Every structure is written in C-alpha cells, then in structure tokens.
C-alpha cells in the first residue's frame, strides 16, 4: 500500500490560516481553494476494523464519483501519523470486492455497514519547491452528521507530507504556531465522529 504521512492539529473556529508563501527559501504556496467532501465510514457494530487499526471510507466531492480508501497500520513518526493507504473505485452503496478481500485477510469475514458520516469544507494550499509538491496544508471545517442532523462541528489543520525535509516541516509548524494553532493531535476524524455519535472507542474518552 502507498504511505500517507500527515500532522493533524486542532484549531478553533476563529483561526486564520497564515500566508505560507516563502515559508522556506524557494517554497511557493499555491492556493487550491475550498471543496466540500462527503465521507461515509464503514465498520461492524463492534468496530472490528477500528480495533484492527483499519479504516474504510467512501469519499466524494460535488460532481465527482468519489472513491473508496482503505487505511491500515497507523504509527507515529515524530508528530506525523503514518498509514498505509489504498484507493479503490466503486459506487458508494457497497464496498468493492477488492477492498473487502484485503479487510477479510486481516479480520475474517465480517459484515460492514455505515457507522459515521462527515462533511468537510476543505481549503487546501500546496507547498511547491522547484515545481514539485512537497507538502499540502488543509484547513478543514468538519460537520459530524446523523441523517440530516449535524451532531457536532470541529476544525483542524492537516499538514500532509509528500517529499518534505525536516527544515520545511519545522518552518511550516513554526508559521502555524505563530498563527495560534495548538499541539498536534493524532486522533482521526473518524474516531472523533464515533465519540460524538455515542460509540465507545477503546483507548479514547467517551464524548
């Protein structure tokens, strides 16, 4: 599976994303604007996938078919969460067989269904050096949904690392701290949603 590496930082609703252009010499910030992302997470009643450090979701943006993503094996690398991530094509109403095959290799034959829905307004800025995207900063305003009802909202900044050296990471984090961000928090959006919806999640205080 390809690897995803990102730093997650909670911020309050009044936070203003700072200008990241020139955060280190030769780095340019390219604003990609804001898009609405709708994500549905699938698991068992007992959260078998979550307990096995797996995550399966379908996510789409307006006018796009969307895709399934399977995440596995979360571990910390400094402040960053590192996970294996694989995408699968398929309609949103049923996980694709290729994803289920991988899941069942890990946890056996389980019955999956939707357990959480998130809608995220994502404002993305790419950090580019010499024409190569080294990192992506996403400012996410997240709504946890139950049917048509918004149960809870929160906001976080994600710094996704592609080919970023430590000097770039340090400079971005310094710029964000100067703008008022708190300490990194590796809690996935999915887990925050489960807690808000009243699920017991081992290792996390119930919300």
N, C-alpha and C. Protein backbone atom coordinates (compact mmCIF):
# COMPACT_ATOMS: atom_id res chain seq x y z
N UNK A 1 0.84 -1.19 0.00
CA UNK A 1 0.00 0.00 0.00
C UNK A 1 0.88 1.25 0.00
N UNK A 2 0.48 2.31 -0.72
CA UNK A 2 1.18 3.59 -0.60
C UNK A 2 1.06 4.13 0.82
N UNK A 3 2.03 4.99 1.21
CA UNK A 3 2.04 5.53 2.56
C UNK A 3 1.50 6.96 2.58
N UNK A 4 0.68 7.26 3.59
CA UNK A 4 0.21 8.61 3.85
C UNK A 4 0.87 9.06 5.15
N UNK A 5 1.40 10.30 5.16
CA UNK A 5 2.04 10.83 6.37
C UNK A 5 1.52 12.24 6.60
N UNK A 6 0.90 12.49 7.74
CA UNK A 6 0.31 13.80 7.98
C UNK A 6 0.36 14.16 9.45
N UNK A 7 0.41 15.47 9.71
CA UNK A 7 0.34 16.03 11.05
C UNK A 7 -1.03 16.69 11.19
N UNK A 8 -1.76 16.31 12.25
CA UNK A 8 -3.11 16.82 12.48
C UNK A 8 -3.07 17.77 13.68
N UNK A 9 -3.66 18.96 13.54
CA UNK A 9 -3.60 19.97 14.59
C UNK A 9 -4.98 20.58 14.80
N UNK A 10 -5.58 20.41 15.97
CA UNK A 10 -6.87 21.06 16.23
C UNK A 10 -6.72 22.57 16.27
N UNK A 11 -7.71 23.29 15.74
CA UNK A 11 -7.74 24.76 15.83
C UNK A 11 -9.17 25.17 16.15
N UNK A 12 -9.33 26.42 16.65
CA UNK A 12 -10.67 26.88 16.93
C UNK A 12 -11.28 27.49 15.67
N UNK A 13 -12.58 27.76 15.74
CA UNK A 13 -13.30 28.22 14.55
C UNK A 13 -12.86 29.61 14.10
N UNK A 14 -12.21 30.38 14.98
CA UNK A 14 -11.78 31.73 14.61
C UNK A 14 -10.37 31.74 14.01
N UNK A 15 -9.73 30.59 13.92
CA UNK A 15 -8.36 30.52 13.39
C UNK A 15 -8.29 31.04 11.96
N UNK A 16 -7.21 31.77 11.67
CA UNK A 16 -6.96 32.28 10.32
C UNK A 16 -5.69 31.62 9.79
N UNK A 17 -5.82 30.86 8.70
CA UNK A 17 -4.66 30.20 8.11
C UNK A 17 -3.65 31.25 7.63
N UNK A 18 -2.40 31.18 8.08
CA UNK A 18 -1.43 32.21 7.69
C UNK A 18 -0.95 32.04 6.25
N UNK A 19 -0.33 33.10 5.74
CA UNK A 19 0.31 33.04 4.42
C UNK A 19 1.52 32.11 4.52
N UNK A 20 1.56 31.08 3.70
CA UNK A 20 2.64 30.10 3.75
C UNK A 20 3.63 30.26 2.61
N UNK A 21 3.47 31.30 1.79
CA UNK A 21 4.39 31.53 0.68
C UNK A 21 5.77 31.88 1.24
N UNK A 22 6.82 31.24 0.70
CA UNK A 22 8.17 31.53 1.15
C UNK A 22 8.47 31.09 2.56
N UNK A 23 7.74 30.08 3.04
CA UNK A 23 7.96 29.63 4.42
C UNK A 23 9.40 29.17 4.61
N UNK A 24 10.01 28.63 3.57
CA UNK A 24 11.47 28.49 3.47
C UNK A 24 11.85 28.96 2.08
N UNK A 25 13.10 29.32 1.88
CA UNK A 25 13.56 29.84 0.60
C UNK A 25 13.22 28.87 -0.53
N UNK A 26 12.62 29.41 -1.60
CA UNK A 26 12.29 28.60 -2.76
C UNK A 26 10.97 27.89 -2.70
N UNK A 27 10.23 28.09 -1.61
CA UNK A 27 8.93 27.43 -1.46
C UNK A 27 7.81 28.39 -1.84
N UNK A 28 6.92 27.92 -2.70
CA UNK A 28 5.78 28.72 -3.13
C UNK A 28 4.49 28.05 -2.65
N UNK A 29 3.55 28.88 -2.20
CA UNK A 29 2.25 28.39 -1.75
C UNK A 29 1.24 28.58 -2.86
N UNK A 30 0.59 27.49 -3.27
CA UNK A 30 -0.42 27.53 -4.32
C UNK A 30 -1.78 27.20 -3.71
N UNK A 31 -2.67 28.19 -3.69
CA UNK A 31 -3.99 28.03 -3.09
C UNK A 31 -4.90 27.28 -4.05
N UNK A 32 -5.42 26.13 -3.64
CA UNK A 32 -6.30 25.32 -4.47
C UNK A 32 -7.77 25.57 -4.18
N UNK A 33 -8.06 26.51 -3.28
CA UNK A 33 -9.44 26.85 -2.99
C UNK A 33 -10.08 25.86 -2.04
N UNK A 34 -11.41 25.93 -1.96
CA UNK A 34 -12.18 25.13 -1.00
C UNK A 34 -13.14 24.18 -1.72
N UNK A 35 -13.25 22.97 -1.21
CA UNK A 35 -14.16 21.98 -1.77
C UNK A 35 -14.88 21.27 -0.63
N UNK A 36 -16.13 20.86 -0.88
CA UNK A 36 -16.88 20.11 0.12
C UNK A 36 -16.68 18.62 -0.12
N UNK A 37 -16.26 17.91 0.91
CA UNK A 37 -16.01 16.48 0.84
C UNK A 37 -17.01 15.75 1.73
N UNK A 38 -17.69 14.76 1.18
CA UNK A 38 -18.63 13.95 1.94
C UNK A 38 -18.03 12.55 2.10
N UNK A 39 -17.90 12.12 3.36
CA UNK A 39 -17.26 10.83 3.64
C UNK A 39 -18.16 9.97 4.52
N UNK A 40 -18.28 8.70 4.14
CA UNK A 40 -19.01 7.72 4.95
C UNK A 40 -18.05 6.60 5.33
N UNK A 41 -17.97 6.33 6.63
CA UNK A 41 -17.07 5.30 7.15
C UNK A 41 -17.87 4.03 7.44
N UNK A 42 -17.27 2.90 7.10
CA UNK A 42 -17.92 1.60 7.27
C UNK A 42 -17.15 0.77 8.29
N UNK A 43 -17.90 0.03 9.11
CA UNK A 43 -17.29 -0.86 10.10
C UNK A 43 -18.37 -1.84 10.56
N UNK A 44 -18.05 -2.65 11.55
CA UNK A 44 -19.04 -3.54 12.16
C UNK A 44 -19.67 -2.86 13.37
N UNK A 45 -20.69 -3.48 13.94
CA UNK A 45 -21.29 -2.95 15.17
C UNK A 45 -20.26 -2.84 16.29
N UNK A 46 -19.31 -3.77 16.33
CA UNK A 46 -18.30 -3.80 17.38
C UNK A 46 -17.02 -3.05 17.00
N UNK A 47 -17.05 -2.33 15.86
CA UNK A 47 -15.88 -1.56 15.39
C UNK A 47 -14.66 -2.45 15.21
N UNK A 48 -14.89 -3.58 14.55
CA UNK A 48 -13.81 -4.56 14.33
C UNK A 48 -12.66 -3.96 13.53
N UNK A 49 -12.97 -3.18 12.49
CA UNK A 49 -11.91 -2.60 11.67
C UNK A 49 -11.08 -1.62 12.48
N UNK A 50 -11.76 -0.75 13.21
CA UNK A 50 -11.04 0.24 14.00
C UNK A 50 -10.10 -0.42 14.99
N UNK A 51 -10.57 -1.49 15.66
CA UNK A 51 -9.73 -2.17 16.64
C UNK A 51 -8.55 -2.87 15.99
N UNK A 52 -8.67 -3.18 14.69
CA UNK A 52 -7.56 -3.78 13.95
C UNK A 52 -6.70 -2.73 13.25
N UNK A 53 -6.90 -1.44 13.61
CA UNK A 53 -6.16 -0.32 13.02
C UNK A 53 -6.41 -0.22 11.52
N UNK A 54 -7.65 -0.52 11.12
CA UNK A 54 -8.06 -0.36 9.74
C UNK A 54 -9.14 0.72 9.67
N UNK A 55 -9.25 1.37 8.52
CA UNK A 55 -10.31 2.33 8.28
C UNK A 55 -10.77 2.22 6.84
N UNK A 56 -12.08 2.16 6.62
CA UNK A 56 -12.62 2.04 5.27
C UNK A 56 -13.68 3.12 5.08
N UNK A 57 -13.50 3.94 4.06
CA UNK A 57 -14.47 5.01 3.82
C UNK A 57 -14.69 5.18 2.33
N UNK A 58 -15.85 5.78 2.01
CA UNK A 58 -16.10 6.30 0.67
C UNK A 58 -16.19 7.81 0.79
N UNK A 59 -15.44 8.52 -0.07
CA UNK A 59 -15.45 9.99 -0.01
C UNK A 59 -15.59 10.56 -1.41
N UNK A 60 -16.38 11.63 -1.51
CA UNK A 60 -16.62 12.24 -2.81
C UNK A 60 -16.75 13.75 -2.66
N UNK A 61 -16.54 14.44 -3.77
CA UNK A 61 -16.76 15.88 -3.88
C UNK A 61 -17.87 16.10 -4.90
N UNK A 62 -18.54 17.25 -4.86
CA UNK A 62 -19.62 17.51 -5.82
C UNK A 62 -19.16 17.32 -7.26
N UNK A 63 -19.97 16.59 -8.04
CA UNK A 63 -19.65 16.38 -9.45
C UNK A 63 -18.63 15.30 -9.73
N UNK A 64 -18.19 14.58 -8.67
CA UNK A 64 -17.20 13.52 -8.85
C UNK A 64 -17.78 12.19 -8.35
N UNK A 65 -17.37 11.06 -8.93
CA UNK A 65 -17.90 9.77 -8.49
C UNK A 65 -17.41 9.35 -7.12
N UNK A 66 -16.28 9.91 -6.70
CA UNK A 66 -15.72 9.54 -5.41
C UNK A 66 -14.91 8.26 -5.48
N UNK A 67 -14.36 7.86 -4.34
CA UNK A 67 -13.55 6.64 -4.29
C UNK A 67 -13.57 6.08 -2.88
N UNK A 68 -13.27 4.80 -2.81
CA UNK A 68 -13.09 4.11 -1.54
C UNK A 68 -11.63 4.17 -1.15
N UNK A 69 -11.37 4.32 0.15
CA UNK A 69 -10.00 4.32 0.65
C UNK A 69 -9.91 3.40 1.87
N UNK A 70 -8.91 2.53 1.84
CA UNK A 70 -8.62 1.65 2.96
C UNK A 70 -7.31 2.10 3.59
N UNK A 71 -7.36 2.41 4.91
CA UNK A 71 -6.16 2.83 5.62
C UNK A 71 -5.81 1.75 6.64
N UNK A 72 -4.49 1.57 6.84
CA UNK A 72 -4.06 0.48 7.72
C UNK A 72 -2.76 0.84 8.42
N UNK A 73 -2.58 0.24 9.62
CA UNK A 73 -1.29 0.26 10.30
C UNK A 73 -0.80 1.62 10.73
N UNK A 74 -1.63 2.42 11.41
CA UNK A 74 -1.20 3.75 11.84
C UNK A 74 -0.05 3.65 12.83
N UNK A 75 0.96 4.51 12.63
CA UNK A 75 2.07 4.62 13.58
C UNK A 75 2.55 6.07 13.57
N UNK A 76 3.21 6.48 14.64
CA UNK A 76 3.69 7.85 14.74
C UNK A 76 5.13 7.94 14.24
N UNK A 77 5.40 8.98 13.44
CA UNK A 77 6.75 9.32 13.00
C UNK A 77 6.95 10.79 13.38
N UNK A 78 7.55 11.02 14.54
CA UNK A 78 7.58 12.37 15.08
C UNK A 78 6.16 12.79 15.43
N UNK A 79 5.75 13.98 14.95
CA UNK A 79 4.37 14.44 15.16
C UNK A 79 3.42 13.91 14.09
N UNK A 80 3.94 13.23 13.09
CA UNK A 80 3.12 12.80 11.95
C UNK A 80 2.56 11.40 12.17
N UNK A 81 1.33 11.20 11.69
CA UNK A 81 0.73 9.88 11.64
C UNK A 81 1.07 9.28 10.28
N UNK A 82 1.64 8.09 10.28
CA UNK A 82 1.98 7.39 9.05
C UNK A 82 1.06 6.18 8.89
N UNK A 83 0.39 6.09 7.72
CA UNK A 83 -0.53 4.98 7.47
C UNK A 83 -0.35 4.49 6.04
N UNK A 84 -0.60 3.21 5.86
CA UNK A 84 -0.70 2.67 4.51
C UNK A 84 -2.10 2.99 3.98
N UNK A 85 -2.18 3.37 2.72
CA UNK A 85 -3.45 3.84 2.16
C UNK A 85 -3.60 3.31 0.73
N UNK A 86 -4.74 2.70 0.45
CA UNK A 86 -5.02 2.18 -0.89
C UNK A 86 -6.40 2.65 -1.33
N UNK A 87 -6.51 3.13 -2.57
CA UNK A 87 -7.78 3.60 -3.13
C UNK A 87 -8.39 2.53 -4.03
N UNK A 88 -9.73 2.50 -4.05
CA UNK A 88 -10.48 1.56 -4.88
C UNK A 88 -11.63 2.32 -5.54
N UNK A 89 -11.91 1.99 -6.78
CA UNK A 89 -13.08 2.55 -7.46
C UNK A 89 -14.31 1.74 -7.07
N UNK A 90 -15.48 2.39 -7.12
CA UNK A 90 -16.72 1.67 -6.84
C UNK A 90 -17.80 2.61 -6.38
N UNK A 91 -19.07 2.23 -6.58
CA UNK A 91 -20.19 3.06 -6.15
C UNK A 91 -20.24 3.16 -4.62
N UNK A 92 -20.91 4.18 -4.08
CA UNK A 92 -20.85 4.44 -2.65
C UNK A 92 -21.69 3.52 -1.77
N UNK A 93 -22.59 2.74 -2.38
CA UNK A 93 -23.55 1.99 -1.57
C UNK A 93 -23.03 0.63 -1.10
N UNK A 94 -21.87 0.20 -1.57
CA UNK A 94 -21.33 -1.11 -1.15
C UNK A 94 -19.83 -1.13 -1.37
N UNK A 95 -19.04 -1.56 -0.37
CA UNK A 95 -17.59 -1.61 -0.55
C UNK A 95 -17.20 -2.53 -1.70
N UNK A 96 -16.20 -2.15 -2.49
CA UNK A 96 -15.77 -3.00 -3.61
C UNK A 96 -15.14 -4.29 -3.11
N UNK A 97 -15.27 -5.33 -3.91
CA UNK A 97 -14.80 -6.65 -3.51
C UNK A 97 -13.29 -6.63 -3.22
N UNK A 98 -12.53 -5.87 -3.99
CA UNK A 98 -11.08 -5.83 -3.79
C UNK A 98 -10.73 -5.30 -2.40
N UNK A 99 -11.49 -4.31 -1.93
CA UNK A 99 -11.25 -3.79 -0.58
C UNK A 99 -11.66 -4.81 0.47
N UNK A 100 -12.80 -5.47 0.26
CA UNK A 100 -13.27 -6.49 1.20
C UNK A 100 -12.28 -7.64 1.31
N UNK A 101 -11.66 -7.99 0.19
CA UNK A 101 -10.68 -9.09 0.21
C UNK A 101 -9.52 -8.75 1.14
N UNK A 102 -9.06 -7.51 1.09
CA UNK A 102 -7.96 -7.09 1.96
C UNK A 102 -8.41 -7.08 3.42
N UNK A 103 -9.62 -6.55 3.66
CA UNK A 103 -10.15 -6.49 5.02
C UNK A 103 -10.26 -7.90 5.61
N UNK A 104 -10.80 -8.83 4.84
CA UNK A 104 -11.03 -10.18 5.37
C UNK A 104 -9.73 -10.95 5.60
N UNK A 105 -8.68 -10.58 4.90
CA UNK A 105 -7.38 -11.17 5.20
C UNK A 105 -6.92 -10.79 6.61
N UNK A 106 -7.37 -9.62 7.07
CA UNK A 106 -6.93 -9.12 8.38
C UNK A 106 -7.87 -9.51 9.51
N UNK A 107 -9.18 -9.49 9.25
CA UNK A 107 -10.15 -9.66 10.36
C UNK A 107 -11.16 -10.77 10.12
N UNK A 108 -11.06 -11.46 9.00
CA UNK A 108 -12.02 -12.52 8.71
C UNK A 108 -13.26 -11.98 8.00
N UNK A 109 -14.26 -12.84 7.89
CA UNK A 109 -15.48 -12.49 7.16
C UNK A 109 -16.40 -11.70 8.07
N UNK A 110 -16.45 -10.40 7.87
CA UNK A 110 -17.25 -9.52 8.74
C UNK A 110 -18.32 -8.82 7.91
N UNK A 111 -19.38 -8.39 8.59
CA UNK A 111 -20.46 -7.66 7.94
C UNK A 111 -20.30 -6.17 8.21
N UNK A 112 -20.08 -5.41 7.15
CA UNK A 112 -19.81 -3.98 7.28
C UNK A 112 -21.04 -3.16 6.92
N UNK A 113 -21.17 -2.02 7.58
CA UNK A 113 -22.26 -1.09 7.27
C UNK A 113 -21.79 0.32 7.64
N UNK A 114 -22.47 1.36 7.16
CA UNK A 114 -22.06 2.73 7.51
C UNK A 114 -22.20 2.98 9.01
N UNK A 115 -21.18 3.60 9.61
CA UNK A 115 -21.22 3.91 11.04
C UNK A 115 -21.01 5.38 11.34
N UNK A 116 -20.51 6.15 10.38
CA UNK A 116 -20.30 7.58 10.62
C UNK A 116 -20.26 8.32 9.29
N UNK A 117 -20.79 9.55 9.31
CA UNK A 117 -20.77 10.39 8.12
C UNK A 117 -20.21 11.75 8.48
N UNK A 118 -19.28 12.22 7.66
CA UNK A 118 -18.65 13.52 7.85
C UNK A 118 -18.80 14.35 6.58
N UNK A 119 -19.02 15.64 6.75
CA UNK A 119 -18.97 16.58 5.64
C UNK A 119 -17.91 17.63 5.99
N UNK A 120 -16.91 17.77 5.13
CA UNK A 120 -15.77 18.64 5.41
C UNK A 120 -15.64 19.71 4.33
N UNK A 121 -15.58 20.97 4.76
CA UNK A 121 -15.20 22.06 3.87
C UNK A 121 -13.68 22.19 3.97
N UNK A 122 -12.98 21.80 2.91
CA UNK A 122 -11.51 21.73 2.93
C UNK A 122 -10.90 22.82 2.07
N UNK A 123 -10.11 23.68 2.70
CA UNK A 123 -9.34 24.71 2.00
C UNK A 123 -7.89 24.22 1.94
N UNK A 124 -7.37 24.04 0.74
CA UNK A 124 -6.08 23.40 0.57
C UNK A 124 -5.06 24.36 -0.04
N UNK A 125 -3.85 24.32 0.52
CA UNK A 125 -2.71 25.08 0.00
C UNK A 125 -1.56 24.10 -0.23
N UNK A 126 -1.06 24.05 -1.47
CA UNK A 126 0.10 23.22 -1.79
C UNK A 126 1.38 24.01 -1.54
N UNK A 127 2.39 23.34 -1.02
CA UNK A 127 3.72 23.93 -0.86
C UNK A 127 4.64 23.29 -1.89
N UNK A 128 5.10 24.11 -2.82
CA UNK A 128 5.80 23.63 -4.01
C UNK A 128 7.24 24.16 -4.02
N UNK A 129 8.17 23.26 -4.30
CA UNK A 129 9.58 23.64 -4.42
C UNK A 129 10.07 23.15 -5.77
N UNK A 130 10.51 24.09 -6.64
CA UNK A 130 11.05 23.70 -7.94
C UNK A 130 10.08 22.91 -8.79
N UNK A 131 8.79 23.21 -8.69
CA UNK A 131 7.79 22.52 -9.49
C UNK A 131 7.30 21.21 -8.88
N UNK A 132 7.83 20.81 -7.71
CA UNK A 132 7.43 19.57 -7.06
C UNK A 132 6.65 19.89 -5.79
N UNK A 133 5.50 19.25 -5.64
CA UNK A 133 4.70 19.45 -4.43
C UNK A 133 5.33 18.68 -3.28
N UNK A 134 5.79 19.43 -2.27
CA UNK A 134 6.47 18.83 -1.13
C UNK A 134 5.52 18.55 0.03
N UNK A 135 4.50 19.38 0.16
CA UNK A 135 3.55 19.21 1.26
C UNK A 135 2.24 19.88 0.89
N UNK A 136 1.21 19.55 1.65
CA UNK A 136 -0.12 20.12 1.46
C UNK A 136 -0.66 20.50 2.82
N UNK A 137 -1.18 21.71 2.93
CA UNK A 137 -1.80 22.17 4.17
C UNK A 137 -3.29 22.29 3.92
N UNK A 138 -4.08 21.53 4.68
CA UNK A 138 -5.54 21.53 4.52
C UNK A 138 -6.18 22.09 5.78
N UNK A 139 -7.00 23.11 5.60
CA UNK A 139 -7.76 23.71 6.69
C UNK A 139 -9.17 23.15 6.60
N UNK A 140 -9.53 22.27 7.54
CA UNK A 140 -10.78 21.51 7.48
C UNK A 140 -11.80 22.00 8.50
N UNK A 141 -12.99 22.35 8.02
CA UNK A 141 -14.14 22.61 8.89
C UNK A 141 -15.07 21.41 8.74
N UNK A 142 -15.24 20.66 9.82
CA UNK A 142 -15.85 19.34 9.76
C UNK A 142 -17.19 19.32 10.49
N UNK A 143 -18.20 18.74 9.83
CA UNK A 143 -19.50 18.51 10.44
C UNK A 143 -19.73 17.01 10.57
N UNK A 144 -20.06 16.56 11.77
CA UNK A 144 -20.42 15.17 12.01
C UNK A 144 -21.93 15.07 11.85
N UNK A 145 -22.38 14.18 10.97
CA UNK A 145 -23.80 14.09 10.64
C UNK A 145 -24.42 12.79 11.14
N UNK A 146 -25.69 12.89 11.50
CA UNK A 146 -26.53 11.72 11.74
C UNK A 146 -27.81 11.97 10.96
N UNK A 147 -27.92 11.32 9.79
CA UNK A 147 -29.01 11.64 8.88
C UNK A 147 -28.84 13.08 8.39
N UNK A 148 -29.88 13.88 8.54
CA UNK A 148 -29.81 15.28 8.12
C UNK A 148 -29.40 16.21 9.26
N UNK A 149 -29.08 15.65 10.42
CA UNK A 149 -28.76 16.45 11.60
C UNK A 149 -27.25 16.57 11.78
N UNK A 150 -26.77 17.78 12.05
CA UNK A 150 -25.37 17.99 12.41
C UNK A 150 -25.23 17.79 13.91
N UNK A 151 -24.47 16.78 14.31
CA UNK A 151 -24.31 16.42 15.71
C UNK A 151 -23.24 17.28 16.38
N UNK A 152 -22.17 17.55 15.64
CA UNK A 152 -21.05 18.31 16.21
C UNK A 152 -20.22 18.87 15.06
N UNK A 153 -19.57 20.00 15.30
CA UNK A 153 -18.63 20.56 14.33
C UNK A 153 -17.28 20.76 15.00
N UNK A 154 -16.22 20.66 14.22
CA UNK A 154 -14.89 20.98 14.72
C UNK A 154 -14.02 21.39 13.54
N UNK A 155 -12.84 21.88 13.86
CA UNK A 155 -11.93 22.37 12.82
C UNK A 155 -10.52 21.87 13.13
N UNK A 156 -9.80 21.50 12.11
CA UNK A 156 -8.41 21.09 12.29
C UNK A 156 -7.62 21.42 11.03
N UNK A 157 -6.32 21.53 11.21
CA UNK A 157 -5.40 21.72 10.10
C UNK A 157 -4.61 20.43 9.93
N UNK A 158 -4.51 19.95 8.70
CA UNK A 158 -3.68 18.79 8.39
C UNK A 158 -2.52 19.22 7.51
N UNK A 159 -1.33 18.83 7.88
CA UNK A 159 -0.14 19.04 7.06
C UNK A 159 0.26 17.68 6.51
N UNK A 160 -0.03 17.47 5.23
CA UNK A 160 0.32 16.18 4.62
C UNK A 160 1.68 16.31 3.97
N UNK A 161 2.53 15.33 4.25
CA UNK A 161 3.93 15.38 3.84
C UNK A 161 4.16 14.41 2.69
N UNK A 162 4.69 14.94 1.58
CA UNK A 162 4.99 14.10 0.43
C UNK A 162 6.50 13.87 0.33
N UNK A 163 7.23 14.93 0.08
CA UNK A 163 8.69 14.84 -0.02
C UNK A 163 9.28 16.03 0.72
N UNK A 164 8.82 16.20 1.95
CA UNK A 164 9.22 17.37 2.74
C UNK A 164 10.38 17.01 3.66
N UNK A 165 11.46 17.81 3.62
CA UNK A 165 12.55 17.57 4.57
C UNK A 165 12.21 18.23 5.90
N UNK A 166 13.04 17.95 6.90
CA UNK A 166 12.71 18.42 8.26
C UNK A 166 12.69 19.93 8.36
N UNK A 167 13.51 20.62 7.56
CA UNK A 167 13.53 22.08 7.63
C UNK A 167 12.20 22.67 7.17
N UNK A 168 11.60 22.07 6.14
CA UNK A 168 10.30 22.55 5.67
C UNK A 168 9.22 22.25 6.71
N UNK A 169 9.24 21.05 7.27
CA UNK A 169 8.26 20.69 8.29
C UNK A 169 8.34 21.66 9.47
N UNK A 170 9.57 21.91 9.94
CA UNK A 170 9.76 22.80 11.09
C UNK A 170 9.28 24.21 10.78
N UNK A 171 9.55 24.68 9.55
CA UNK A 171 9.16 26.03 9.19
C UNK A 171 7.65 26.17 9.11
N UNK A 172 6.98 25.17 8.54
CA UNK A 172 5.52 25.21 8.45
C UNK A 172 4.91 25.18 9.85
N UNK A 173 5.39 24.29 10.70
CA UNK A 173 4.85 24.21 12.05
C UNK A 173 5.09 25.51 12.82
N UNK A 174 6.25 26.14 12.64
CA UNK A 174 6.52 27.41 13.30
C UNK A 174 5.56 28.49 12.84
N UNK A 175 5.31 28.53 11.52
CA UNK A 175 4.38 29.53 10.97
C UNK A 175 2.96 29.30 11.51
N UNK A 176 2.56 28.05 11.59
CA UNK A 176 1.23 27.74 12.11
C UNK A 176 1.11 28.06 13.60
N UNK A 177 2.16 27.76 14.37
CA UNK A 177 2.12 28.08 15.79
C UNK A 177 2.02 29.58 16.01
N UNK A 178 2.72 30.35 15.19
CA UNK A 178 2.65 31.81 15.31
C UNK A 178 1.25 32.32 15.03
N UNK A 179 0.49 31.55 14.23
CA UNK A 179 -0.89 31.93 13.91
C UNK A 179 -1.88 31.44 14.96
N UNK A 180 -1.39 30.64 15.93
CA UNK A 180 -2.26 30.26 17.04
C UNK A 180 -2.71 28.82 17.12
N UNK A 181 -2.09 27.91 16.35
CA UNK A 181 -2.50 26.50 16.47
C UNK A 181 -2.01 25.92 17.78
N UNK A 182 -2.66 24.85 18.23
CA UNK A 182 -2.25 24.15 19.43
C UNK A 182 -1.26 23.04 19.10
N UNK A 183 -1.21 22.06 20.00
CA UNK A 183 -0.30 20.93 19.80
C UNK A 183 -0.93 19.91 18.86
N UNK A 184 -0.11 19.19 18.09
CA UNK A 184 -0.65 18.14 17.22
C UNK A 184 -1.44 17.11 18.00
N UNK A 185 -2.47 16.57 17.37
CA UNK A 185 -3.34 15.55 17.96
C UNK A 185 -3.64 14.54 16.86
N UNK A 186 -3.19 13.30 17.06
CA UNK A 186 -3.29 12.29 16.01
C UNK A 186 -4.66 11.64 15.90
N UNK A 187 -5.63 12.06 16.74
CA UNK A 187 -6.96 11.42 16.72
C UNK A 187 -7.61 11.57 15.34
N UNK A 188 -7.97 10.47 14.68
CA UNK A 188 -8.60 10.58 13.35
C UNK A 188 -9.97 11.25 13.43
N UNK A 189 -10.36 11.89 12.34
CA UNK A 189 -11.71 12.45 12.24
C UNK A 189 -12.76 11.38 12.52
N UNK A 190 -12.52 10.20 12.01
CA UNK A 190 -13.45 9.08 12.16
C UNK A 190 -13.70 8.78 13.64
N UNK A 191 -12.64 8.76 14.44
CA UNK A 191 -12.78 8.48 15.87
C UNK A 191 -13.52 9.62 16.56
N UNK A 192 -13.24 10.84 16.20
CA UNK A 192 -13.97 11.97 16.79
C UNK A 192 -15.46 11.87 16.47
N UNK A 193 -15.76 11.42 15.25
CA UNK A 193 -17.16 11.24 14.88
C UNK A 193 -17.82 10.14 15.70
N UNK A 194 -17.15 9.02 15.85
CA UNK A 194 -17.72 7.91 16.62
C UNK A 194 -18.01 8.33 18.06
N UNK A 195 -17.09 9.06 18.67
CA UNK A 195 -17.30 9.51 20.04
C UNK A 195 -18.49 10.46 20.12
N UNK A 196 -18.60 11.38 19.16
CA UNK A 196 -19.71 12.33 19.16
C UNK A 196 -21.04 11.63 18.96
N UNK A 197 -21.01 10.49 18.25
CA UNK A 197 -22.24 9.73 17.99
C UNK A 197 -22.57 8.75 19.12
N UNK A 198 -21.75 8.75 20.17
CA UNK A 198 -22.07 7.93 21.34
C UNK A 198 -21.45 6.55 21.38
N UNK A 199 -20.53 6.26 20.47
CA UNK A 199 -19.87 4.96 20.47
C UNK A 199 -18.78 4.92 21.54
N UNK A 200 -18.55 3.74 22.09
CA UNK A 200 -17.39 3.53 22.96
C UNK A 200 -16.21 3.12 22.08
N UNK A 201 -15.14 3.90 22.15
CA UNK A 201 -13.95 3.63 21.36
C UNK A 201 -12.81 3.31 22.33
N UNK A 202 -12.33 2.07 22.33
CA UNK A 202 -11.26 1.70 23.26
C UNK A 202 -10.05 2.64 23.13
N UNK A 203 -9.56 3.08 24.29
CA UNK A 203 -8.40 3.95 24.29
C UNK A 203 -8.71 5.42 24.20
N UNK A 204 -10.01 5.78 24.06
CA UNK A 204 -10.41 7.18 23.96
C UNK A 204 -11.53 7.45 24.96
N UNK A 205 -11.47 8.64 25.55
CA UNK A 205 -12.54 9.03 26.49
C UNK A 205 -13.83 9.23 25.72
N UNK A 206 -14.92 8.69 26.24
CA UNK A 206 -16.21 8.85 25.57
C UNK A 206 -16.65 10.30 25.60
N UNK A 207 -17.20 10.76 24.43
CA UNK A 207 -17.65 12.14 24.34
C UNK A 207 -19.15 12.22 24.32
